[in-house]
């Protein structure tokens, strides 16, 4: 199991190779597959300081995120020149709120996230080691309103060839975890021999996948 200190140290040392400087093009391309409406409540688990939050907030009136690192959340608001209201929720959680955005700084498993209609998971499930994924998904399912949708981005590689995170979550595991849902694979990008994960780390395969999961 990955200790919370692992992620605190990543942000403290600015070792954030997982952070994208721009909006994820996969979000832009496949968000319409969720059939979103402006009124749909959106949740982004383990959101970091993602630019995706800003993009989603232009399209929805209620976007929630949760992030373990106070450094990441303060950086997000500072970099966008937003001045959020900051409210202590309990001894372990703070809520940063600005217009459509509500970001909880604290533990995903205990933050008081409100039920939602759409989840966008680019960096959460793949950040969880295998022994934590069942618990992560159980919590996620408890946050879903009837008819909710999940846009899930995963990675597929030979796990014994590279130490995560990010971890490999192959299609068979996605189907297992969401067996009671309708699962549609929307995309698979198979890396070629010039990709750094293949060329430099010598992986047998490396692919990014996108799923639409419908309750």
N, C-alpha and C. Protein backbone atom coordinates (compact mmCIF):
# COMPACT_ATOMS: atom_id res chain seq x y z
N UNK A 1 0.84 -1.19 0.00
CA UNK A 1 0.00 0.00 0.00
C UNK A 1 0.89 1.25 0.00
N UNK A 2 0.51 2.27 -0.80
CA UNK A 2 1.28 3.49 -0.87
C UNK A 2 0.86 4.41 0.27
N UNK A 3 1.83 4.83 1.06
CA UNK A 3 1.59 5.69 2.20
C UNK A 3 1.26 7.10 1.71
N UNK A 4 0.36 7.84 2.39
CA UNK A 4 0.08 9.22 1.99
C UNK A 4 1.34 10.08 1.90
N UNK A 5 2.34 9.76 2.72
CA UNK A 5 3.58 10.53 2.69
C UNK A 5 4.27 10.47 1.32
N UNK A 6 4.06 9.36 0.61
CA UNK A 6 4.61 9.22 -0.74
C UNK A 6 4.15 10.38 -1.61
N UNK A 7 2.82 10.67 -1.57
CA UNK A 7 2.27 11.73 -2.42
C UNK A 7 2.62 13.12 -1.88
N UNK A 8 2.62 13.27 -0.55
CA UNK A 8 3.04 14.55 0.02
C UNK A 8 4.46 14.88 -0.41
N UNK A 9 5.33 13.88 -0.40
CA UNK A 9 6.73 14.10 -0.79
C UNK A 9 6.86 14.43 -2.28
N UNK A 10 6.02 13.79 -3.11
CA UNK A 10 6.05 14.08 -4.55
C UNK A 10 5.74 15.56 -4.81
N UNK A 11 4.70 16.07 -4.14
CA UNK A 11 4.32 17.47 -4.34
C UNK A 11 5.34 18.40 -3.70
N UNK A 12 5.82 18.05 -2.53
CA UNK A 12 6.79 18.91 -1.84
C UNK A 12 8.08 19.05 -2.64
N UNK A 13 8.48 18.00 -3.33
CA UNK A 13 9.72 18.03 -4.12
C UNK A 13 9.47 18.39 -5.59
N UNK A 14 8.19 18.68 -5.91
CA UNK A 14 7.79 19.01 -7.29
C UNK A 14 8.12 17.89 -8.27
N UNK A 15 8.07 16.63 -7.77
CA UNK A 15 8.28 15.46 -8.64
C UNK A 15 6.93 15.01 -9.18
N UNK A 16 6.37 15.81 -10.09
CA UNK A 16 4.98 15.61 -10.50
C UNK A 16 4.90 15.36 -12.01
N UNK A 17 5.62 14.34 -12.44
CA UNK A 17 5.59 13.96 -13.85
C UNK A 17 4.21 13.56 -14.32
N UNK A 18 3.32 13.21 -13.39
CA UNK A 18 1.96 12.81 -13.72
C UNK A 18 1.08 14.01 -14.05
N UNK A 19 1.54 15.23 -13.70
CA UNK A 19 0.73 16.43 -13.93
C UNK A 19 0.84 16.86 -15.39
N UNK A 20 -0.31 17.12 -16.02
CA UNK A 20 -0.33 17.65 -17.38
C UNK A 20 -0.49 19.16 -17.34
N UNK A 21 0.33 19.86 -18.13
CA UNK A 21 0.28 21.33 -18.12
C UNK A 21 -0.95 21.87 -18.83
N UNK A 22 -1.55 21.07 -19.70
CA UNK A 22 -2.72 21.50 -20.47
C UNK A 22 -3.89 20.58 -20.18
N UNK A 23 -5.05 20.97 -20.66
CA UNK A 23 -6.23 20.10 -20.55
C UNK A 23 -5.96 18.80 -21.30
N UNK A 24 -6.32 17.69 -20.70
CA UNK A 24 -6.09 16.38 -21.33
C UNK A 24 -6.94 16.28 -22.60
N UNK A 25 -6.31 16.07 -23.76
CA UNK A 25 -7.09 15.97 -25.00
C UNK A 25 -8.09 14.82 -24.98
N UNK A 26 -7.81 13.79 -24.20
CA UNK A 26 -8.77 12.68 -24.10
C UNK A 26 -10.06 13.12 -23.41
N UNK A 27 -9.94 14.02 -22.44
CA UNK A 27 -11.13 14.56 -21.80
C UNK A 27 -11.96 15.35 -22.81
N UNK A 28 -11.32 16.21 -23.55
CA UNK A 28 -12.03 17.03 -24.54
C UNK A 28 -12.72 16.15 -25.58
N UNK A 29 -12.01 15.12 -26.02
CA UNK A 29 -12.54 14.27 -27.08
C UNK A 29 -13.69 13.38 -26.61
N UNK A 30 -13.58 12.84 -25.40
CA UNK A 30 -14.53 11.80 -24.99
C UNK A 30 -15.55 12.25 -23.94
N UNK A 31 -15.43 13.46 -23.42
CA UNK A 31 -16.43 13.94 -22.47
C UNK A 31 -17.84 13.91 -23.07
N UNK A 32 -18.03 14.27 -24.35
CA UNK A 32 -19.38 14.20 -24.92
C UNK A 32 -20.01 12.80 -24.83
N UNK A 33 -19.18 11.75 -24.73
CA UNK A 33 -19.71 10.38 -24.61
C UNK A 33 -20.51 10.18 -23.33
N UNK A 34 -20.27 11.03 -22.32
CA UNK A 34 -21.02 10.91 -21.07
C UNK A 34 -22.40 11.56 -21.17
N UNK A 35 -22.69 12.18 -22.32
CA UNK A 35 -23.94 12.92 -22.53
C UNK A 35 -24.17 13.93 -21.39
N UNK A 36 -23.21 14.81 -21.20
CA UNK A 36 -23.27 15.72 -20.06
C UNK A 36 -24.29 16.84 -20.26
N UNK A 37 -24.90 17.27 -19.16
CA UNK A 37 -25.69 18.49 -19.14
C UNK A 37 -25.04 19.45 -18.15
N UNK A 38 -25.36 20.72 -18.27
CA UNK A 38 -24.74 21.72 -17.39
C UNK A 38 -25.07 21.43 -15.92
N UNK A 39 -26.25 20.83 -15.69
CA UNK A 39 -26.69 20.58 -14.32
C UNK A 39 -26.03 19.35 -13.70
N UNK A 40 -25.40 18.52 -14.49
CA UNK A 40 -24.75 17.32 -13.95
C UNK A 40 -23.65 17.72 -12.97
N UNK A 41 -23.67 17.08 -11.81
CA UNK A 41 -22.63 17.30 -10.81
C UNK A 41 -21.44 16.39 -11.14
N UNK A 42 -20.25 16.96 -11.15
CA UNK A 42 -19.04 16.26 -11.61
C UNK A 42 -18.07 16.09 -10.45
N UNK A 43 -17.37 14.95 -10.46
CA UNK A 43 -16.37 14.68 -9.43
C UNK A 43 -15.06 14.23 -10.08
N UNK A 44 -13.94 14.81 -9.61
CA UNK A 44 -12.61 14.44 -10.09
C UNK A 44 -11.79 13.96 -8.90
N UNK A 45 -11.64 12.65 -8.72
CA UNK A 45 -10.85 12.14 -7.59
C UNK A 45 -9.36 12.31 -7.82
N UNK A 46 -8.63 12.57 -6.71
CA UNK A 46 -7.18 12.76 -6.75
C UNK A 46 -6.82 13.76 -7.85
N UNK A 47 -7.41 14.95 -7.74
CA UNK A 47 -7.40 15.90 -8.85
C UNK A 47 -6.09 16.67 -9.00
N UNK A 48 -5.23 16.69 -7.96
CA UNK A 48 -4.00 17.47 -8.06
C UNK A 48 -4.30 18.92 -8.35
N UNK A 49 -3.55 19.50 -9.28
CA UNK A 49 -3.83 20.88 -9.72
C UNK A 49 -4.19 20.88 -11.21
N UNK A 50 -4.94 19.88 -11.60
CA UNK A 50 -5.23 19.61 -13.01
C UNK A 50 -5.94 20.76 -13.71
N UNK A 51 -5.49 21.06 -14.93
CA UNK A 51 -6.17 22.02 -15.79
C UNK A 51 -7.56 21.52 -16.20
N UNK A 52 -7.76 20.22 -16.09
CA UNK A 52 -9.07 19.65 -16.43
C UNK A 52 -10.18 20.22 -15.56
N UNK A 53 -9.85 20.59 -14.32
CA UNK A 53 -10.85 21.18 -13.42
C UNK A 53 -11.42 22.47 -14.00
N UNK A 54 -10.54 23.30 -14.55
CA UNK A 54 -10.98 24.58 -15.13
C UNK A 54 -11.87 24.32 -16.34
N UNK A 55 -11.46 23.40 -17.18
CA UNK A 55 -12.24 23.06 -18.37
C UNK A 55 -13.63 22.56 -17.97
N UNK A 56 -13.69 21.68 -17.00
CA UNK A 56 -14.98 21.13 -16.55
C UNK A 56 -15.86 22.21 -15.93
N UNK A 57 -15.24 23.15 -15.22
CA UNK A 57 -16.01 24.21 -14.57
C UNK A 57 -16.64 25.17 -15.57
N UNK A 58 -16.13 25.21 -16.80
CA UNK A 58 -16.77 26.04 -17.83
C UNK A 58 -18.02 25.37 -18.37
N UNK A 59 -18.18 24.08 -18.10
CA UNK A 59 -19.28 23.32 -18.67
C UNK A 59 -20.29 22.84 -17.64
N UNK A 60 -19.95 22.94 -16.36
CA UNK A 60 -20.83 22.43 -15.29
C UNK A 60 -20.87 23.40 -14.12
N UNK A 61 -22.02 23.44 -13.45
CA UNK A 61 -22.22 24.37 -12.35
C UNK A 61 -21.67 23.86 -11.03
N UNK A 62 -21.35 22.57 -10.97
CA UNK A 62 -20.89 21.98 -9.70
C UNK A 62 -19.82 20.94 -10.01
N UNK A 63 -18.56 21.32 -9.77
CA UNK A 63 -17.42 20.42 -9.99
C UNK A 63 -16.70 20.24 -8.66
N UNK A 64 -16.64 19.00 -8.18
CA UNK A 64 -15.94 18.69 -6.95
C UNK A 64 -14.65 17.94 -7.27
N UNK A 65 -13.63 18.21 -6.47
CA UNK A 65 -12.41 17.44 -6.53
C UNK A 65 -11.99 17.07 -5.13
N UNK A 66 -11.12 16.08 -5.03
CA UNK A 66 -10.50 15.77 -3.74
C UNK A 66 -9.04 15.50 -4.00
N UNK A 67 -8.20 16.02 -3.11
CA UNK A 67 -6.76 15.92 -3.29
C UNK A 67 -6.10 15.87 -1.92
N UNK A 68 -5.15 14.97 -1.78
CA UNK A 68 -4.45 14.79 -0.52
C UNK A 68 -3.51 15.95 -0.20
N UNK A 69 -2.93 16.57 -1.22
CA UNK A 69 -1.87 17.55 -1.03
C UNK A 69 -2.39 18.98 -0.97
N UNK A 70 -2.15 19.62 0.15
CA UNK A 70 -2.48 21.03 0.31
C UNK A 70 -1.65 21.88 -0.66
N UNK A 71 -0.41 21.47 -0.90
CA UNK A 71 0.47 22.18 -1.84
C UNK A 71 -0.16 22.22 -3.23
N UNK A 72 -0.69 21.09 -3.69
CA UNK A 72 -1.28 21.00 -5.02
C UNK A 72 -2.49 21.92 -5.15
N UNK A 73 -3.35 21.91 -4.14
CA UNK A 73 -4.59 22.69 -4.22
C UNK A 73 -4.30 24.19 -4.14
N UNK A 74 -3.40 24.59 -3.24
CA UNK A 74 -3.04 26.01 -3.15
C UNK A 74 -2.36 26.47 -4.44
N UNK A 75 -1.55 25.62 -5.04
CA UNK A 75 -0.91 25.96 -6.31
C UNK A 75 -1.94 26.13 -7.42
N UNK A 76 -2.95 25.27 -7.44
CA UNK A 76 -4.00 25.36 -8.45
C UNK A 76 -4.67 26.73 -8.41
N UNK A 77 -5.10 27.15 -7.22
CA UNK A 77 -5.80 28.43 -7.12
C UNK A 77 -4.86 29.60 -7.38
N UNK A 78 -3.63 29.52 -6.90
CA UNK A 78 -2.67 30.61 -7.11
C UNK A 78 -2.35 30.77 -8.60
N UNK A 79 -2.15 29.67 -9.30
CA UNK A 79 -1.77 29.72 -10.71
C UNK A 79 -2.87 30.28 -11.59
N UNK A 80 -4.13 30.19 -11.11
CA UNK A 80 -5.26 30.72 -11.88
C UNK A 80 -5.77 32.04 -11.32
N UNK A 81 -5.06 32.57 -10.33
CA UNK A 81 -5.43 33.85 -9.72
C UNK A 81 -6.85 33.82 -9.15
N UNK A 82 -7.24 32.66 -8.66
CA UNK A 82 -8.52 32.52 -7.97
C UNK A 82 -8.28 32.70 -6.47
N UNK A 83 -9.22 33.36 -5.80
CA UNK A 83 -9.15 33.47 -4.34
C UNK A 83 -10.31 32.69 -3.75
N UNK A 84 -10.06 31.46 -3.31
CA UNK A 84 -11.15 30.62 -2.82
C UNK A 84 -11.51 30.94 -1.37
N UNK A 85 -12.74 30.59 -1.01
CA UNK A 85 -13.09 30.52 0.41
C UNK A 85 -12.51 29.21 0.94
N UNK A 86 -11.89 29.26 2.09
CA UNK A 86 -11.29 28.06 2.68
C UNK A 86 -12.00 27.77 4.00
N UNK A 87 -12.61 26.59 4.08
CA UNK A 87 -13.40 26.24 5.25
C UNK A 87 -12.92 24.92 5.84
N UNK A 88 -12.57 24.91 7.11
CA UNK A 88 -12.25 23.63 7.75
C UNK A 88 -13.51 22.79 7.89
N UNK A 89 -13.43 21.53 7.48
CA UNK A 89 -14.59 20.62 7.57
C UNK A 89 -14.50 19.82 8.87
N UNK A 90 -13.33 19.33 9.13
CA UNK A 90 -13.06 18.63 10.39
C UNK A 90 -11.55 18.75 10.64
N UNK A 91 -11.06 18.01 11.57
CA UNK A 91 -9.65 18.12 11.87
C UNK A 91 -8.73 17.67 10.76
N UNK A 92 -9.27 16.97 9.75
CA UNK A 92 -8.41 16.39 8.71
C UNK A 92 -8.72 16.88 7.30
N UNK A 93 -9.77 17.68 7.13
CA UNK A 93 -10.22 18.07 5.79
C UNK A 93 -10.50 19.56 5.72
N UNK A 94 -10.10 20.20 4.61
CA UNK A 94 -10.47 21.58 4.32
C UNK A 94 -11.19 21.62 2.98
N UNK A 95 -12.11 22.56 2.85
CA UNK A 95 -12.81 22.76 1.59
C UNK A 95 -12.40 24.10 1.00
N UNK A 96 -11.87 24.06 -0.23
CA UNK A 96 -11.54 25.26 -0.98
C UNK A 96 -12.65 25.46 -2.02
N UNK A 97 -13.31 26.62 -1.99
CA UNK A 97 -14.46 26.82 -2.87
C UNK A 97 -14.31 28.12 -3.64
N UNK A 98 -14.53 28.04 -4.96
CA UNK A 98 -14.50 29.22 -5.81
C UNK A 98 -15.45 28.98 -6.98
N UNK A 99 -16.51 29.81 -7.04
CA UNK A 99 -17.52 29.66 -8.10
C UNK A 99 -17.99 28.21 -8.22
N UNK A 100 -17.78 27.61 -9.39
CA UNK A 100 -18.30 26.24 -9.60
C UNK A 100 -17.44 25.16 -8.95
N UNK A 101 -16.26 25.53 -8.50
CA UNK A 101 -15.28 24.54 -8.03
C UNK A 101 -15.29 24.36 -6.52
N UNK A 102 -15.33 23.13 -6.07
CA UNK A 102 -15.18 22.79 -4.65
C UNK A 102 -14.13 21.69 -4.57
N UNK A 103 -13.01 21.99 -3.93
CA UNK A 103 -11.93 21.00 -3.82
C UNK A 103 -11.68 20.71 -2.34
N UNK A 104 -11.81 19.44 -2.00
CA UNK A 104 -11.52 19.00 -0.64
C UNK A 104 -10.04 18.62 -0.54
N UNK A 105 -9.38 19.17 0.46
CA UNK A 105 -8.01 18.76 0.76
C UNK A 105 -8.09 17.76 1.91
N UNK A 106 -7.81 16.51 1.60
CA UNK A 106 -7.92 15.47 2.61
C UNK A 106 -7.96 14.10 1.98
N UNK A 107 -8.43 13.16 2.75
CA UNK A 107 -8.45 11.75 2.35
C UNK A 107 -9.68 11.46 1.49
N UNK A 108 -9.45 10.93 0.31
CA UNK A 108 -10.55 10.51 -0.57
C UNK A 108 -11.57 9.64 0.15
N UNK A 109 -11.10 8.78 1.03
CA UNK A 109 -11.99 7.80 1.66
C UNK A 109 -12.87 8.39 2.75
N UNK A 110 -12.58 9.60 3.20
CA UNK A 110 -13.38 10.17 4.29
C UNK A 110 -13.89 11.58 4.00
N UNK A 111 -13.44 12.23 2.94
CA UNK A 111 -13.91 13.58 2.63
C UNK A 111 -15.42 13.55 2.35
N UNK A 112 -16.16 14.58 2.78
CA UNK A 112 -17.63 14.57 2.65
C UNK A 112 -18.10 14.98 1.25
N UNK A 113 -17.74 14.20 0.26
CA UNK A 113 -18.09 14.47 -1.13
C UNK A 113 -19.59 14.23 -1.33
N UNK A 114 -20.24 15.15 -2.03
CA UNK A 114 -21.66 15.02 -2.30
C UNK A 114 -21.88 14.06 -3.48
N UNK A 115 -23.03 13.37 -3.52
CA UNK A 115 -23.32 12.46 -4.65
C UNK A 115 -23.24 13.19 -5.99
N UNK A 116 -22.78 12.47 -7.01
CA UNK A 116 -22.50 13.10 -8.30
C UNK A 116 -23.11 12.31 -9.45
N UNK A 117 -23.14 12.98 -10.62
CA UNK A 117 -23.71 12.39 -11.83
C UNK A 117 -22.64 11.87 -12.79
N UNK A 118 -21.47 12.53 -12.80
CA UNK A 118 -20.39 12.09 -13.69
C UNK A 118 -19.07 12.14 -12.92
N UNK A 119 -18.27 11.11 -13.09
CA UNK A 119 -16.92 11.05 -12.51
C UNK A 119 -15.92 11.06 -13.66
N UNK A 120 -14.88 11.87 -13.49
CA UNK A 120 -13.76 11.85 -14.45
C UNK A 120 -12.53 11.39 -13.70
N UNK A 121 -12.06 10.19 -14.04
CA UNK A 121 -10.92 9.58 -13.35
C UNK A 121 -9.80 9.38 -14.37
N UNK A 122 -8.83 10.29 -14.34
CA UNK A 122 -7.65 10.15 -15.20
C UNK A 122 -6.46 9.62 -14.41
N UNK A 123 -6.39 9.98 -13.13
CA UNK A 123 -5.15 9.72 -12.38
C UNK A 123 -5.38 9.06 -11.03
N UNK A 124 -6.60 8.62 -10.75
CA UNK A 124 -6.89 8.07 -9.42
C UNK A 124 -6.76 6.55 -9.38
N UNK A 125 -7.52 5.85 -10.21
CA UNK A 125 -7.47 4.38 -10.16
C UNK A 125 -6.06 3.88 -10.46
N UNK A 126 -5.38 4.49 -11.43
CA UNK A 126 -4.03 4.04 -11.78
C UNK A 126 -3.00 4.42 -10.72
N UNK A 127 -3.38 5.30 -9.78
CA UNK A 127 -2.48 5.65 -8.68
C UNK A 127 -2.58 4.68 -7.51
N UNK A 128 -3.60 3.81 -7.56
CA UNK A 128 -3.85 2.89 -6.46
C UNK A 128 -3.17 1.54 -6.71
N UNK A 129 -2.38 1.04 -5.75
CA UNK A 129 -1.87 -0.32 -5.89
C UNK A 129 -3.04 -1.31 -5.84
N UNK A 130 -2.80 -2.52 -6.32
CA UNK A 130 -3.87 -3.50 -6.48
C UNK A 130 -4.69 -3.70 -5.22
N UNK A 131 -4.01 -3.71 -4.05
CA UNK A 131 -4.73 -4.01 -2.81
C UNK A 131 -5.65 -2.88 -2.36
N UNK A 132 -5.54 -1.70 -2.97
CA UNK A 132 -6.41 -0.58 -2.60
C UNK A 132 -7.54 -0.33 -3.58
N UNK A 133 -7.48 -0.96 -4.74
CA UNK A 133 -8.44 -0.61 -5.80
C UNK A 133 -9.88 -1.00 -5.46
N UNK A 134 -10.04 -2.16 -4.81
CA UNK A 134 -11.40 -2.60 -4.44
C UNK A 134 -12.05 -1.56 -3.51
N UNK A 135 -11.30 -1.10 -2.53
CA UNK A 135 -11.80 -0.10 -1.58
C UNK A 135 -12.07 1.23 -2.29
N UNK A 136 -11.16 1.61 -3.18
CA UNK A 136 -11.35 2.85 -3.93
C UNK A 136 -12.65 2.81 -4.74
N UNK A 137 -12.88 1.71 -5.43
CA UNK A 137 -14.06 1.60 -6.30
C UNK A 137 -15.34 1.48 -5.49
N UNK A 138 -15.29 0.79 -4.36
CA UNK A 138 -16.47 0.70 -3.49
C UNK A 138 -16.90 2.09 -3.04
N UNK A 139 -15.94 2.91 -2.66
CA UNK A 139 -16.24 4.29 -2.25
C UNK A 139 -16.80 5.08 -3.42
N UNK A 140 -16.22 4.90 -4.61
CA UNK A 140 -16.67 5.62 -5.79
C UNK A 140 -18.13 5.28 -6.11
N UNK A 141 -18.45 4.01 -6.05
CA UNK A 141 -19.83 3.58 -6.35
C UNK A 141 -20.83 4.19 -5.38
N UNK A 142 -20.42 4.38 -4.14
CA UNK A 142 -21.30 4.97 -3.14
C UNK A 142 -21.58 6.44 -3.38
N UNK A 143 -20.78 7.07 -4.23
CA UNK A 143 -20.95 8.49 -4.51
C UNK A 143 -21.81 8.74 -5.75
N UNK A 144 -22.22 7.70 -6.43
CA UNK A 144 -22.91 7.86 -7.72
C UNK A 144 -24.42 8.02 -7.55
N UNK A 145 -24.96 9.02 -8.21
CA UNK A 145 -26.41 9.14 -8.33
C UNK A 145 -26.94 8.10 -9.31
N UNK A 146 -28.24 7.78 -9.27
CA UNK A 146 -28.80 6.86 -10.28
C UNK A 146 -28.53 7.38 -11.69
N UNK A 147 -28.12 6.48 -12.57
CA UNK A 147 -27.84 6.87 -13.95
C UNK A 147 -26.50 7.56 -14.16
N UNK A 148 -25.65 7.49 -13.15
CA UNK A 148 -24.35 8.18 -13.23
C UNK A 148 -23.44 7.53 -14.28
N UNK A 149 -22.45 8.31 -14.73
CA UNK A 149 -21.47 7.84 -15.71
C UNK A 149 -20.06 8.12 -15.19
N UNK A 150 -19.14 7.29 -15.62
CA UNK A 150 -17.73 7.47 -15.27
C UNK A 150 -16.93 7.48 -16.57
N UNK A 151 -16.09 8.50 -16.74
CA UNK A 151 -15.12 8.50 -17.83
C UNK A 151 -13.78 8.14 -17.19
N UNK A 152 -13.28 6.96 -17.52
CA UNK A 152 -12.11 6.39 -16.85
C UNK A 152 -10.94 6.25 -17.83
N UNK A 153 -9.79 6.78 -17.45
CA UNK A 153 -8.57 6.64 -18.24
C UNK A 153 -7.63 5.70 -17.49
N UNK A 154 -7.14 4.67 -18.17
CA UNK A 154 -6.26 3.69 -17.53
C UNK A 154 -5.02 3.46 -18.38
N UNK A 155 -4.09 2.72 -17.80
CA UNK A 155 -2.88 2.29 -18.50
C UNK A 155 -2.83 0.76 -18.51
N UNK A 156 -2.28 0.22 -19.56
CA UNK A 156 -2.12 -1.23 -19.67
C UNK A 156 -0.67 -1.54 -20.06
N UNK A 157 0.03 -2.19 -19.13
CA UNK A 157 1.38 -2.65 -19.41
C UNK A 157 1.66 -3.86 -18.53
N UNK A 158 2.77 -4.51 -18.75
CA UNK A 158 3.14 -5.68 -17.95
C UNK A 158 3.64 -5.19 -16.59
N UNK A 159 2.84 -5.41 -15.54
CA UNK A 159 3.14 -4.79 -14.25
C UNK A 159 4.51 -5.18 -13.70
N UNK A 160 4.93 -6.42 -13.94
CA UNK A 160 6.22 -6.84 -13.38
C UNK A 160 7.41 -6.23 -14.11
N UNK A 161 7.15 -5.46 -15.18
CA UNK A 161 8.23 -4.80 -15.91
C UNK A 161 8.50 -3.38 -15.43
N UNK A 162 7.60 -2.83 -14.62
CA UNK A 162 7.79 -1.46 -14.14
C UNK A 162 7.10 -1.29 -12.79
N UNK A 163 7.74 -0.57 -11.91
CA UNK A 163 7.15 -0.29 -10.61
C UNK A 163 6.25 0.93 -10.72
N UNK A 164 5.00 0.80 -10.29
CA UNK A 164 4.12 1.96 -10.28
C UNK A 164 4.31 2.78 -9.02
N UNK A 165 3.55 3.85 -8.85
CA UNK A 165 2.53 4.36 -9.78
C UNK A 165 3.15 5.15 -10.93
N UNK A 166 2.38 5.31 -12.04
CA UNK A 166 1.04 4.76 -12.24
C UNK A 166 1.09 3.25 -12.48
N UNK A 167 0.02 2.59 -12.02
CA UNK A 167 -0.06 1.14 -12.14
C UNK A 167 -0.85 0.73 -13.38
N UNK A 168 -0.62 -0.49 -13.80
CA UNK A 168 -1.37 -1.06 -14.90
C UNK A 168 -2.74 -1.54 -14.40
N UNK A 169 -3.79 -1.13 -15.12
CA UNK A 169 -5.15 -1.62 -14.83
C UNK A 169 -5.73 -2.12 -16.14
N UNK A 170 -5.53 -3.39 -16.46
CA UNK A 170 -5.94 -3.91 -17.77
C UNK A 170 -7.46 -4.01 -17.90
N UNK A 171 -7.89 -4.22 -19.13
CA UNK A 171 -9.32 -4.28 -19.43
C UNK A 171 -10.05 -5.32 -18.56
N UNK A 172 -9.43 -6.48 -18.37
CA UNK A 172 -10.09 -7.54 -17.58
C UNK A 172 -10.39 -7.06 -16.16
N UNK A 173 -9.50 -6.25 -15.60
CA UNK A 173 -9.72 -5.74 -14.24
C UNK A 173 -10.82 -4.69 -14.22
N UNK A 174 -10.85 -3.83 -15.23
CA UNK A 174 -11.93 -2.84 -15.32
C UNK A 174 -13.28 -3.55 -15.40
N UNK A 175 -13.36 -4.58 -16.24
CA UNK A 175 -14.61 -5.32 -16.39
C UNK A 175 -15.01 -6.01 -15.09
N UNK A 176 -14.03 -6.50 -14.35
CA UNK A 176 -14.31 -7.16 -13.08
C UNK A 176 -14.86 -6.17 -12.05
N UNK A 177 -14.19 -5.03 -11.92
CA UNK A 177 -14.59 -4.06 -10.90
C UNK A 177 -15.97 -3.46 -11.18
N UNK A 178 -16.31 -3.34 -12.46
CA UNK A 178 -17.58 -2.70 -12.83
C UNK A 178 -18.52 -3.68 -13.53
N UNK A 179 -18.54 -4.90 -13.03
CA UNK A 179 -19.31 -5.97 -13.70
C UNK A 179 -20.81 -5.68 -13.73
N UNK A 180 -21.31 -4.89 -12.78
CA UNK A 180 -22.75 -4.61 -12.75
C UNK A 180 -23.11 -3.36 -13.56
N UNK A 181 -22.13 -2.76 -14.22
CA UNK A 181 -22.32 -1.57 -15.03
C UNK A 181 -22.19 -1.91 -16.51
N UNK A 182 -22.65 -0.99 -17.35
CA UNK A 182 -22.36 -1.10 -18.78
C UNK A 182 -21.00 -0.46 -19.03
N UNK A 183 -20.05 -1.24 -19.55
CA UNK A 183 -18.69 -0.76 -19.78
C UNK A 183 -18.39 -0.76 -21.27
N UNK A 184 -17.98 0.40 -21.79
CA UNK A 184 -17.64 0.53 -23.21
C UNK A 184 -16.22 1.08 -23.33
N UNK A 185 -15.37 0.34 -24.04
CA UNK A 185 -14.03 0.86 -24.29
C UNK A 185 -14.12 1.83 -25.47
N UNK A 186 -13.74 3.08 -25.23
CA UNK A 186 -13.84 4.11 -26.26
C UNK A 186 -12.56 4.29 -27.05
N UNK A 187 -11.41 3.85 -26.48
CA UNK A 187 -10.13 4.24 -27.08
C UNK A 187 -9.02 3.37 -26.51
N UNK A 188 -8.06 3.06 -27.36
CA UNK A 188 -6.81 2.44 -26.94
C UNK A 188 -5.69 2.96 -27.81
N UNK A 189 -4.68 3.52 -27.17
CA UNK A 189 -3.53 4.04 -27.89
C UNK A 189 -2.33 3.18 -27.54
N UNK A 190 -1.92 2.35 -28.49
CA UNK A 190 -0.81 1.42 -28.29
C UNK A 190 0.50 2.13 -28.63
N UNK A 191 1.40 2.22 -27.67
CA UNK A 191 2.67 2.89 -27.89
C UNK A 191 3.54 2.11 -28.88
N UNK A 192 4.28 2.84 -29.70
CA UNK A 192 5.22 2.17 -30.61
C UNK A 192 6.62 2.15 -29.99
N UNK A 193 7.59 1.67 -30.73
CA UNK A 193 8.92 1.44 -30.17
C UNK A 193 9.67 2.74 -29.83
N UNK A 194 9.16 3.91 -30.30
CA UNK A 194 9.81 5.18 -29.99
C UNK A 194 9.30 5.80 -28.69
N UNK A 195 8.22 5.28 -28.17
CA UNK A 195 7.66 5.82 -26.92
C UNK A 195 8.66 5.61 -25.78
N UNK A 196 8.84 6.59 -24.90
CA UNK A 196 9.83 6.46 -23.81
C UNK A 196 9.65 5.22 -22.94
N UNK A 197 8.41 4.81 -22.73
CA UNK A 197 8.17 3.63 -21.89
C UNK A 197 8.66 2.34 -22.58
N UNK A 198 8.67 2.37 -23.90
CA UNK A 198 9.16 1.22 -24.65
C UNK A 198 10.66 1.36 -24.89
N UNK A 199 11.07 2.52 -25.41
CA UNK A 199 12.47 2.72 -25.82
C UNK A 199 13.42 2.78 -24.63
N UNK A 200 13.02 3.49 -23.55
CA UNK A 200 13.94 3.71 -22.43
C UNK A 200 13.75 2.71 -21.30
N UNK A 201 12.53 2.32 -21.05
CA UNK A 201 12.28 1.40 -19.92
C UNK A 201 12.13 -0.04 -20.37
N UNK A 202 12.06 -0.25 -21.67
CA UNK A 202 12.06 -1.62 -22.19
C UNK A 202 10.79 -2.41 -21.93
N UNK A 203 9.66 -1.71 -21.81
CA UNK A 203 8.41 -2.43 -21.60
C UNK A 203 8.01 -3.20 -22.85
N UNK A 204 7.38 -4.35 -22.64
CA UNK A 204 6.89 -5.16 -23.75
C UNK A 204 5.78 -4.44 -24.48
N UNK A 205 4.90 -3.79 -23.70
CA UNK A 205 3.79 -3.03 -24.29
C UNK A 205 3.46 -1.90 -23.33
N UNK A 206 2.81 -0.86 -23.87
CA UNK A 206 2.33 0.24 -23.05
C UNK A 206 1.20 0.90 -23.81
N UNK A 207 0.03 0.98 -23.20
CA UNK A 207 -1.14 1.55 -23.87
C UNK A 207 -1.96 2.37 -22.89
N UNK A 208 -2.58 3.42 -23.42
CA UNK A 208 -3.52 4.22 -22.65
C UNK A 208 -4.92 3.90 -23.17
N UNK A 209 -5.86 3.72 -22.25
CA UNK A 209 -7.21 3.34 -22.63
C UNK A 209 -8.23 4.27 -21.98
N UNK A 210 -9.38 4.42 -22.64
CA UNK A 210 -10.48 5.23 -22.10
C UNK A 210 -11.75 4.39 -22.11
N UNK A 211 -12.45 4.42 -20.98
CA UNK A 211 -13.69 3.67 -20.83
C UNK A 211 -14.84 4.60 -20.45
N UNK A 212 -16.02 4.31 -20.98
CA UNK A 212 -17.25 4.91 -20.50
C UNK A 212 -17.97 3.84 -19.68
N UNK A 213 -18.25 4.17 -18.42
CA UNK A 213 -18.90 3.23 -17.51
C UNK A 213 -20.24 3.84 -17.10
N UNK A 214 -21.33 3.14 -17.35
CA UNK A 214 -22.67 3.68 -17.11
C UNK A 214 -23.42 2.86 -16.09
N UNK A 215 -23.92 3.52 -15.06
CA UNK A 215 -24.68 2.84 -14.01
C UNK A 215 -26.08 2.48 -14.50
